Protein backbone atom coordinates (compact mmCIF):
# COMPACT_ATOMS: atom_id res chain seq x y z
CA MET A 1 0.00 0.00 0.00
CA ASN A 2 1.26 3.45 -0.83
CA LEU A 3 -1.90 5.57 -0.45
CA GLY A 4 -2.86 7.20 2.82
CA PHE A 5 -6.40 7.67 4.11
CA ASN A 6 -6.81 11.27 2.92
CA ASP A 7 -5.41 10.46 -0.51
CA ARG A 8 -7.83 7.54 -0.86
CA ILE A 9 -10.83 9.69 0.10
CA VAL A 10 -9.90 12.38 -2.41
CA ARG A 11 -9.47 9.78 -5.15
CA VAL A 12 -12.84 8.14 -4.44
CA VAL A 13 -14.71 11.45 -4.47
CA ALA A 14 -12.94 12.67 -7.61
CA GLY A 15 -13.32 9.33 -9.39
CA LEU A 16 -17.00 8.94 -8.62
CA SER A 17 -17.72 12.52 -9.65
CA MET A 18 -15.95 11.93 -12.98
CA VAL A 19 -17.93 8.75 -13.58
CA LEU A 20 -21.18 10.57 -12.78
CA PHE A 21 -20.20 13.55 -14.95
CA ASP A 22 -19.45 11.05 -17.72
CA TYR A 23 -23.19 10.55 -18.31
CA ALA A 24 -23.65 14.25 -19.16
CA ALA A 25 -20.46 14.55 -21.21
CA ASP A 26 -20.05 14.63 -24.96
CA VAL A 27 -19.15 11.41 -26.78
CA ASN A 28 -15.57 12.64 -27.31
CA TRP A 29 -14.95 12.93 -23.56
CA ASP A 30 -16.93 9.84 -22.61
CA VAL A 31 -14.11 7.29 -22.69
CA ILE A 32 -11.53 9.62 -21.16
CA LEU A 33 -13.67 10.58 -18.16
CA LEU A 34 -14.76 7.00 -17.60
CA PHE A 35 -11.17 5.72 -17.70
CA ILE A 36 -9.83 8.38 -15.31
CA GLY A 37 -12.77 7.96 -12.95
CA CYS A 38 -12.46 4.17 -12.83
CA TRP A 39 -8.68 4.41 -12.41
CA SER A 40 -9.12 6.73 -9.40
CA VAL A 41 -11.72 4.51 -7.76
CA MET A 42 -9.69 1.33 -8.35
CA THR A 43 -6.45 2.78 -6.96
CA SER A 44 -8.34 4.00 -3.93
CA ALA A 45 -10.02 0.64 -3.38
CA PHE A 46 -6.72 -1.24 -3.50
CA GLY A 47 -4.69 1.47 -1.76
CA PHE A 48 -1.96 1.19 -4.36
CA CYS A 49 -0.96 3.55 -7.16
CA PRO A 50 1.58 2.28 -9.72
CA PHE A 51 2.66 5.82 -10.59
CA TYR A 52 3.51 6.51 -6.95
CA LYS A 53 5.58 3.30 -6.97
CA LEU A 54 7.49 4.43 -10.08
CA LEU A 55 8.22 7.82 -8.51
CA GLY A 56 9.08 6.37 -5.10
CA HIS A 57 6.33 8.42 -3.44
CA SER A 58 4.05 7.24 -0.64
CA THR A 59 1.34 8.93 1.42
CA CYS A 60 0.78 5.88 3.61
CA PRO A 61 2.04 6.50 7.16
CA ILE A 62 3.07 2.86 7.69
């Protein structure tokens, strides 16, 4: 795990809002918003972000 509690909450809220906004978006933005929203929710659910791992960054206090 490399995501802390606050980082996970922010990612869930942002991801869900992007997925919900996806329904009102234009067809061109549909896939992009859905991908980013699902990515945010999935990284928050697992508590692991591959990009943080590549950069050597962690917000997890443990």
